[in-house]
Amino acid sequence: MFMRPLKISWLDWCKSTIKTSLLALILIVLSTGISGAWWNSGNDQPIRESRLAVGDAITDAQAILRYALPIDNQQVRDVQASIEDIAKQLRGKRWGSISRDISRAAVILSTRSDKLLAEVPEVNKPQAEVLISQIKDEIASIREALEAKDREKISMVRNQILEEVGKLEKLMVQGFPFEVPAEYSNLPQLKGRATVEISTNKGDLTLIVDGYSAPVTAGNFVDLVERGFYDGLKFIRAEDKFVVQTGDPEGSEAGFIDPNNGQYRAIPLEILVRGDEQPIYGTTLEEAGIYLEPLVLPFNAYGSIAMARPGNDPNGGSSQFFFFKFDTELTPPGFNLMDGRYAVFGYLVKGKDVLETIREGDIIESAQVIEGEENLIEPL
C-alpha cells in the first residue's frame, strides 16, 4: 500500500495533546503504535527519541540548497552565513548585530578575494570576479539601508546578495562529487541540478531538484517530467499543514511502467548524510542505526519535495512524490521524524501561495524542465 498521510482528526488531537513538549509527541507515537508509511519504516520498530535532531535548523529552502552544493570554500560559506544571519537580527531590530554581519562579509570580500577564487575553475574565474564586484557594491548599498534603518530595503538587498553568493558558489562546483553505485546504472541520473515548473489549475509551482545530493531520485523525477508523465495527473492527497501528494497514474496506486521493458521502475531510498562522500542507499537511517546525523537535504523547509513509497519497502518508490507542509507543532524543523525515512530530492522555491490552495482532485496541467535539462543522464 502506498504512503498515506495521517487523518486530519488524528492530527488535531495530536496537536492539542503535545503543545507542552516534544517529548509528549514521542510518547504518543510509541504508546499508540502508529503504523502506515508516514511513521512506520516498514520494520515495525518504534521511533526512538534519539532519532530527533537538535540545533538551530535552517528553514529557508534556498539556504539549504546553497549549503548542499558540493564545494569546500570556507570564505564563501562565511560570507553566506553572515548575510543569512541578517534576517534573524532584522526581526529583533538588532542594528549592531546587522552591522557586524555586514562588516564580516565586507572584510572577506575585500581581503580574501584570492581565496574566494581559489576553488573556481579557470574557465569560470572571469564571471566569478564580476560577481564578487557586484556583491561588494551591494554590501555598500546594504550599509546605506542600515544607516537609514530601512528594514524593507535591508531585506531586499540581503536577498540580492545571497542570490549573487549562490551564483558564485555554483561556479565553484567542479564536476560531480561521487560515483553512483553500478547497480543503479539502469536508472536515469541527474548529475547536477534542474529547475522544474509545474503548472496546475490553481497556478504555477517552481521547484529546484538537487541531483548533487540525490542523483537517482532526482534523475527519475526529471526523466518523468521530460516524458510528460505528470501532465494531466491529479493531486491524490492534500492534507492541510502536512502534505500534498501526486504522481499516481490513473488512480492505480502504481508507478511508472517503463515502456522499454514493461516493468515497474523502482527507485531506491537515497539519503545523503552531511559529511559523507555519497548517499546511503536502500535503507532508512533508523535501520542503519543512524539517528542524530544532519542531512544534506532535510525536511526543514516548507515545500520539501520527497519520493513517496510503500510503507514497508524503502526501495519501492516510483513516480509518486509529495510536498511536505510541516506543522511546527507536529514536525518542527530540526526535530523532524520524516528525516531519514523518505528521500528529499528538492524544494519548492516559488509558489507557496499556490501550494496552500491545492486540494485533492486538483490537476497538474503540465510539468517542464526550464533549466538544467543537460544534467539528466539517461541509462545506456
Protein backbone atom coordinates (compact mmCIF):
# COMPACT_ATOMS: atom_id res chain seq x y z
CA MET A 1 0.00 0.00 0.00
CA PHE A 2 1.41 3.39 -0.96
CA MET A 3 2.09 6.09 1.54
CA ARG A 4 -0.98 7.63 3.10
CA PRO A 5 -1.00 10.82 5.18
CA LEU A 6 -2.39 10.76 8.69
CA LYS A 7 -6.04 11.67 9.08
CA ILE A 8 -6.96 15.24 9.99
CA SER A 9 -8.80 14.16 13.13
CA TRP A 10 -5.69 12.42 14.43
CA LEU A 11 -3.57 15.48 13.68
CA ASP A 12 -5.92 17.82 15.51
CA TRP A 13 -5.95 15.51 18.53
CA CYS A 14 -2.17 15.21 18.46
CA LYS A 15 -1.62 18.96 18.28
CA SER A 16 -3.89 19.65 21.20
CA THR A 17 -2.08 16.99 23.24
CA ILE A 18 1.59 17.79 22.53
CA LYS A 19 1.82 21.57 22.78
CA THR A 20 3.58 21.39 26.12
CA SER A 21 6.58 19.39 24.90
CA LEU A 22 8.04 17.41 22.05
CA LEU A 23 8.55 14.52 24.42
CA ALA A 24 4.78 14.15 24.62
CA LEU A 25 4.70 13.52 20.88
CA ILE A 26 7.31 10.79 21.19
CA LEU A 27 5.33 9.15 23.97
CA ILE A 28 2.13 9.31 21.94
CA VAL A 29 3.80 7.75 18.90
CA LEU A 30 5.38 5.00 20.95
CA SER A 31 2.31 4.25 23.05
CA THR A 32 -0.23 4.14 20.23
CA GLY A 33 1.94 2.07 17.89
CA ILE A 34 1.08 4.18 14.85
CA SER A 35 1.60 2.31 11.60
CA GLY A 36 1.45 3.36 7.98
CA ALA A 37 4.04 4.82 5.70
CA TRP A 38 4.36 8.17 7.43
CA TRP A 39 5.54 6.88 10.78
CA ASN A 40 6.48 3.25 10.27
CA SER A 41 9.56 2.42 8.22
CA GLY A 42 8.15 -0.99 7.46
CA ASN A 43 10.09 -2.99 10.02
CA ASP A 44 7.65 -2.33 12.90
CA GLN A 45 10.37 -0.80 15.04
CA PRO A 46 9.33 2.12 17.26
CA ILE A 47 10.54 5.64 16.68
CA ARG A 48 13.36 6.38 19.09
CA GLU A 49 13.80 9.63 20.96
CA SER A 50 17.46 9.72 19.90
CA ARG A 51 16.27 9.99 16.29
CA LEU A 52 15.42 13.63 16.87
CA ALA A 53 17.93 16.17 15.62
CA VAL A 54 18.88 19.25 17.60
CA GLY A 55 20.16 22.71 16.79
CA ASP A 56 19.08 25.89 15.07
CA ALA A 57 17.53 24.39 11.95
CA ILE A 58 17.78 26.20 8.61
CA THR A 59 14.25 26.51 7.26
CA ASP A 60 14.89 28.54 4.10
CA ALA A 61 14.91 26.31 1.03
CA GLN A 62 17.36 28.46 -0.88
CA ALA A 63 19.78 28.46 2.06
CA ILE A 64 19.58 24.66 2.30
CA LEU A 65 20.28 24.40 -1.42
CA ARG A 66 23.29 26.72 -1.12
CA TYR A 67 24.77 24.61 1.67
CA ALA A 68 24.03 21.45 -0.33
CA LEU A 69 26.37 22.44 -3.15
CA PRO A 70 29.45 20.16 -3.20
CA ILE A 71 32.07 22.85 -2.60
CA ASP A 72 34.77 23.37 0.02
CA ASN A 73 35.47 27.08 0.34
CA GLN A 74 35.22 28.42 3.87
CA GLN A 75 35.41 32.05 2.78
CA VAL A 76 32.28 31.95 0.66
CA ARG A 77 30.47 29.96 3.35
CA ASP A 78 31.41 32.65 5.90
CA VAL A 79 30.06 35.38 3.62
CA GLN A 80 26.88 33.38 3.12
CA ALA A 81 26.39 32.75 6.85
CA SER A 82 26.93 36.41 7.73
CA ILE A 83 24.43 37.67 5.19
CA GLU A 84 21.87 34.99 6.04
CA ASP A 85 22.11 35.95 9.73
CA ILE A 86 20.83 39.43 8.91
CA ALA A 87 17.26 38.14 8.61
CA LYS A 88 17.24 36.88 12.18
CA GLN A 89 18.79 40.07 13.52
CA LEU A 90 16.40 42.20 11.49
CA ARG A 91 13.38 40.67 13.20
CA GLY A 92 14.65 41.96 16.53
CA LYS A 93 15.92 45.27 15.11
CA ARG A 94 19.42 44.42 16.32
CA TRP A 95 21.15 47.07 14.26
CA GLY A 96 24.55 46.50 15.86
CA SER A 97 24.46 42.77 15.05
CA ILE A 98 23.48 43.54 11.47
CA SER A 99 26.41 45.94 11.21
CA ARG A 100 28.78 43.24 12.42
CA ASP A 101 27.36 40.74 9.92
CA ILE A 102 27.90 43.22 7.09
CA SER A 103 31.43 44.04 8.26
CA ARG A 104 32.44 40.36 8.41
CA ALA A 105 31.26 39.80 4.86
CA ALA A 106 32.92 43.01 3.64
CA VAL A 107 36.30 42.08 5.13
CA ILE A 108 36.29 38.69 3.42
CA LEU A 109 35.31 40.18 0.08
CA SER A 110 37.98 42.88 0.31
CA THR A 111 40.93 40.97 1.77
CA ARG A 112 40.38 37.35 0.79
CA SER A 113 39.16 37.53 -2.78
CA ASP A 114 42.11 35.35 -3.82
CA LYS A 115 40.85 32.62 -1.51
CA LEU A 116 37.31 33.08 -2.80
CA LEU A 117 38.62 32.49 -6.31
CA ALA A 118 40.94 29.62 -5.38
CA GLU A 119 38.22 26.97 -5.80
CA VAL A 120 36.82 28.42 -9.03
CA PRO A 121 37.85 26.63 -12.25
CA GLU A 122 39.85 28.88 -14.57
CA VAL A 123 37.10 28.97 -17.15
CA ASN A 124 34.69 30.43 -14.56
CA LYS A 125 37.03 32.95 -12.92
CA PRO A 126 36.12 35.98 -15.06
CA GLN A 127 32.44 35.50 -14.19
CA ALA A 128 33.31 34.93 -10.54
CA GLU A 129 35.31 38.18 -10.41
CA VAL A 130 32.30 40.07 -11.78
CA LEU A 131 30.07 38.52 -9.12
CA ILE A 132 32.48 39.44 -6.32
CA SER A 133 32.49 43.03 -7.59
CA GLN A 134 28.69 43.07 -7.68
CA ILE A 135 28.48 41.71 -4.14
CA LYS A 136 30.85 44.43 -2.92
CA ASP A 137 28.59 47.08 -4.47
CA GLU A 138 25.56 45.51 -2.81
CA ILE A 139 27.38 45.47 0.54
CA ALA A 140 27.78 49.24 0.20
CA SER A 141 24.08 49.51 -0.61
CA ILE A 142 23.01 47.49 2.44
CA ARG A 143 25.20 49.69 4.64
CA GLU A 144 23.27 52.73 3.43
CA ALA A 145 19.99 50.98 4.18
CA LEU A 146 21.26 50.10 7.64
CA GLU A 147 22.19 53.72 8.38
CA ALA A 148 18.61 54.69 7.49
CA LYS A 149 17.27 51.68 9.44
CA ASP A 150 15.23 50.85 6.37
CA ARG A 151 14.14 47.28 7.15
CA GLU A 152 12.44 46.69 3.81
CA LYS A 153 15.49 47.74 1.80
CA ILE A 154 17.88 45.81 4.07
CA SER A 155 15.84 42.67 3.45
CA MET A 156 15.65 43.29 -0.29
CA VAL A 157 19.41 43.90 -0.68
CA ARG A 158 20.19 40.93 1.57
CA ASN A 159 18.24 38.70 -0.79
CA GLN A 160 20.07 40.15 -3.78
CA ILE A 161 23.43 39.50 -2.16
CA LEU A 162 22.51 35.91 -1.36
CA GLU A 163 21.39 35.36 -4.93
CA GLU A 164 24.81 36.52 -6.14
CA VAL A 165 26.58 34.45 -3.48
CA GLY A 166 24.65 31.41 -4.68
CA LYS A 167 25.77 32.04 -8.25
CA LEU A 168 29.37 32.38 -7.07
CA GLU A 169 29.11 29.08 -5.19
CA LYS A 170 27.74 27.33 -8.28
CA LEU A 171 30.80 28.47 -10.22
CA MET A 172 32.98 26.69 -7.64
CA VAL A 173 31.47 23.25 -8.30
CA GLN A 174 33.99 21.04 -10.09
CA GLY A 175 32.36 18.01 -11.63
CA PHE A 176 30.07 15.52 -9.97
CA PRO A 177 31.19 14.64 -6.43
CA PHE A 178 30.82 10.82 -6.41
CA GLU A 179 30.08 7.72 -8.45
CA VAL A 180 26.57 6.32 -8.23
CA PRO A 181 26.70 2.57 -7.43
CA ALA A 182 26.79 0.47 -10.59
CA GLU A 183 23.65 -1.41 -9.55
CA TYR A 184 21.63 1.73 -10.32
CA SER A 185 23.18 2.35 -13.74
CA ASN A 186 19.92 1.23 -15.35
CA LEU A 187 18.15 4.28 -13.90
CA PRO A 188 18.22 7.92 -15.05
CA GLN A 189 20.58 10.13 -13.04
CA LEU A 190 20.68 13.89 -12.57
CA LYS A 191 24.35 14.94 -12.43
CA GLY A 192 23.69 18.45 -11.16
CA ARG A 193 20.52 20.46 -10.65
CA ALA A 194 17.38 21.20 -12.60
CA THR A 195 14.59 23.71 -12.26
CA VAL A 196 11.10 22.38 -12.93
CA GLU A 197 7.92 24.37 -13.37
CA ILE A 198 4.63 22.66 -12.64
CA SER A 199 1.51 24.36 -13.93
CA THR A 200 -1.66 23.42 -12.05
CA ASN A 201 -5.27 24.53 -12.31
CA LYS A 202 -4.53 26.70 -9.24
CA GLY A 203 -1.30 28.30 -10.51
CA ASP A 204 2.39 27.59 -11.02
CA LEU A 205 4.92 25.88 -8.76
CA THR A 206 8.67 26.23 -9.29
CA LEU A 207 10.97 23.54 -7.92
CA ILE A 208 14.74 23.11 -7.74
CA VAL A 209 15.72 19.45 -7.94
CA ASP A 210 19.12 18.54 -6.47
CA GLY A 211 20.96 15.76 -8.23
CA TYR A 212 24.19 16.51 -6.37
CA SER A 213 22.63 15.00 -3.25
CA ALA A 214 20.06 12.57 -4.70
CA PRO A 215 21.05 11.82 -8.32
CA VAL A 216 18.91 8.70 -8.77
CA THR A 217 15.76 10.07 -7.13
CA ALA A 218 16.11 13.44 -8.87
CA GLY A 219 17.02 11.78 -12.17
CA ASN A 220 13.91 9.63 -12.08
CA PHE A 221 11.73 12.67 -11.43
CA VAL A 222 13.27 14.82 -14.16
CA ASP A 223 13.08 11.94 -16.62
CA LEU A 224 9.36 11.54 -15.90
CA VAL A 225 8.84 15.28 -16.31
CA GLU A 226 10.61 15.13 -19.67
CA ARG A 227 8.36 12.25 -20.73
CA GLY A 228 5.25 14.28 -19.90
CA PHE A 229 4.29 11.61 -17.37
CA TYR A 230 2.84 14.07 -14.85
CA ASP A 231 0.80 16.09 -17.34
CA GLY A 232 -2.88 15.70 -16.51
CA LEU A 233 -2.37 13.78 -13.26
CA LYS A 234 -4.40 14.66 -10.19
CA PHE A 235 -3.26 15.52 -6.69
CA ILE A 236 -4.37 12.49 -4.72
CA ARG A 237 -3.73 13.81 -1.19
CA ALA A 238 -3.85 17.34 0.21
CA GLU A 239 -3.69 17.48 3.98
CA ASP A 240 -3.73 20.95 5.49
CA LYS A 241 -0.36 21.75 7.13
CA PHE A 242 1.03 18.34 6.27
CA VAL A 243 1.38 17.09 2.68
CA VAL A 244 0.30 17.47 -0.92
CA GLN A 245 0.86 14.30 -2.95
CA THR A 246 0.63 13.41 -6.63
CA GLY A 247 2.12 11.16 -9.31
CA ASP A 248 -0.37 8.27 -9.14
CA PRO A 249 -1.22 7.31 -12.75
CA GLU A 250 -4.93 6.80 -13.30
CA GLY A 251 -5.60 6.11 -9.63
CA SER A 252 -3.89 2.74 -9.89
CA GLU A 253 -1.72 3.24 -6.80
CA ALA A 254 1.13 2.12 -9.02
CA GLY A 255 4.04 3.97 -10.51
CA PHE A 256 5.86 4.31 -13.79
CA ILE A 257 5.93 1.32 -16.11
CA ASP A 258 8.97 1.60 -18.35
CA PRO A 259 7.79 1.15 -21.94
CA ASN A 260 11.22 -0.22 -22.91
CA ASN A 261 10.83 -3.34 -20.77
CA GLY A 262 7.25 -3.24 -19.45
CA GLN A 263 8.48 -3.29 -15.87
CA TYR A 264 7.74 -1.13 -12.85
CA ARG A 265 10.59 1.33 -12.31
CA ALA A 266 11.54 1.08 -8.65
CA ILE A 267 13.72 3.78 -7.10
CA PRO A 268 15.92 3.03 -4.08
CA LEU A 269 15.76 5.13 -0.95
CA GLU A 270 18.64 7.62 -1.30
CA ILE A 271 19.74 9.81 1.62
CA LEU A 272 22.94 11.83 1.92
CA VAL A 273 24.22 12.46 5.44
CA ARG A 274 26.21 15.67 5.77
CA GLY A 275 29.92 14.87 5.72
CA ASP A 276 29.50 11.56 3.86
CA GLU A 277 31.02 11.17 0.41
CA GLN A 278 27.90 9.63 -1.12
CA PRO A 279 24.30 8.80 -0.20
CA ILE A 280 23.18 5.78 1.77
CA TYR A 281 21.05 3.58 -0.48
CA GLY A 282 18.35 1.06 0.15
CA THR A 283 17.65 1.50 3.85
CA THR A 284 16.20 4.03 6.23
CA LEU A 285 18.70 5.73 8.52
CA GLU A 286 16.94 4.20 11.50
CA GLU A 287 17.51 0.73 10.08
CA ALA A 288 21.15 1.71 9.51
CA GLY A 289 21.49 2.74 13.16
CA ILE A 290 21.90 6.44 12.34
CA TYR A 291 19.78 8.75 14.48
CA LEU A 292 21.36 12.16 15.01
CA GLU A 293 23.39 12.96 11.92
CA PRO A 294 22.28 16.06 9.97
CA LEU A 295 21.17 15.50 6.39
CA VAL A 296 22.20 17.50 3.34
CA LEU A 297 18.54 17.67 2.23
CA PRO A 298 16.38 17.67 5.38
CA PHE A 299 12.63 18.13 5.77
CA ASN A 300 13.23 21.57 7.29
CA ALA A 301 11.78 23.86 4.64
CA TYR A 302 8.16 24.35 3.69
CA GLY A 303 7.69 22.64 0.35
CA SER A 304 10.38 19.99 0.75
CA ILE A 305 9.86 17.54 -2.12
CA ALA A 306 10.26 13.83 -1.43
CA MET A 307 9.66 10.46 -3.02
CA ALA A 308 6.61 8.56 -1.81
CA ARG A 309 6.92 4.81 -1.33
CA PRO A 310 5.14 1.78 0.12
CA GLY A 311 5.38 1.84 3.90
CA ASN A 312 7.19 -1.48 4.14
CA ASP A 313 9.52 -1.08 1.16
CA PRO A 314 12.16 1.67 1.22
CA ASN A 315 13.07 0.77 -2.38
CA GLY A 316 9.57 0.70 -3.81
CA GLY A 317 9.15 4.34 -4.83
CA SER A 318 8.49 5.13 -8.48
CA SER A 319 6.52 8.15 -9.67
CA GLN A 320 4.57 9.39 -6.64
CA PHE A 321 6.04 12.33 -4.76
CA PHE A 322 4.86 14.79 -2.15
CA PHE A 323 5.36 18.34 -0.95
CA PHE A 324 5.89 18.48 2.79
CA LYS A 325 3.98 21.27 4.55
CA PHE A 326 5.29 20.78 8.07
CA ASP A 327 3.23 21.79 11.04
CA THR A 328 5.75 23.18 13.54
CA GLU A 329 3.80 21.70 16.44
CA LEU A 330 3.84 18.20 14.98
CA THR A 331 7.02 18.02 12.91
CA PRO A 332 9.19 21.00 13.87
CA PRO A 333 12.27 21.67 11.70
CA GLY A 334 15.38 20.21 13.28
CA PHE A 335 13.24 17.67 15.16
CA ASN A 336 11.67 16.03 12.16
CA LEU A 337 10.60 12.41 12.28
CA MET A 338 10.48 12.29 8.48
CA ASP A 339 14.25 12.75 8.04
CA GLY A 340 15.98 9.53 7.12
CA ARG A 341 12.72 7.73 6.31
CA TYR A 342 11.90 9.38 2.98
CA ALA A 343 14.23 10.82 0.35
CA VAL A 344 14.06 14.58 -0.17
CA PHE A 345 15.25 15.48 -3.67
CA GLY A 346 14.40 19.17 -3.96
CA TYR A 347 12.47 22.16 -2.70
CA LEU A 348 9.67 24.46 -3.73
CA VAL A 349 11.25 27.86 -4.39
CA LYS A 350 8.28 29.72 -5.81
CA GLY A 351 4.52 29.25 -5.49
CA LYS A 352 3.94 28.74 -1.77
CA ASP A 353 0.65 30.61 -2.07
CA VAL A 354 -0.40 28.22 -4.84
CA LEU A 355 0.58 25.11 -2.89
CA GLU A 356 -1.57 26.34 0.00
CA THR A 357 -4.66 26.30 -2.23
CA ILE A 358 -4.19 22.86 -3.81
CA ARG A 359 -6.77 20.29 -2.81
CA GLU A 360 -7.35 16.64 -3.60
CA GLY A 361 -8.59 16.37 -7.18
CA ASP A 362 -6.73 19.42 -8.47
CA ILE A 363 -4.74 18.77 -11.63
CA ILE A 364 -1.21 19.14 -12.95
CA GLU A 365 -1.80 20.71 -16.34
CA SER A 366 1.85 20.42 -17.37
CA ALA A 367 5.33 19.99 -15.96
CA GLN A 368 8.50 21.03 -17.74
CA VAL A 369 12.21 21.41 -17.10
CA ILE A 370 13.10 25.06 -17.59
CA GLU A 371 16.77 24.84 -16.60
CA GLY A 372 19.34 22.06 -16.17
CA GLU A 373 17.95 19.60 -18.72
CA GLU A 374 21.51 18.90 -19.85
CA ASN A 375 22.32 17.42 -16.44
CA LEU A 376 19.99 14.46 -16.97
CA ILE A 377 21.92 11.30 -17.87
CA GLU A 378 19.78 8.56 -19.37
CA PRO A 379 20.86 4.91 -18.97
CA LEU A 380 22.54 3.32 -21.96
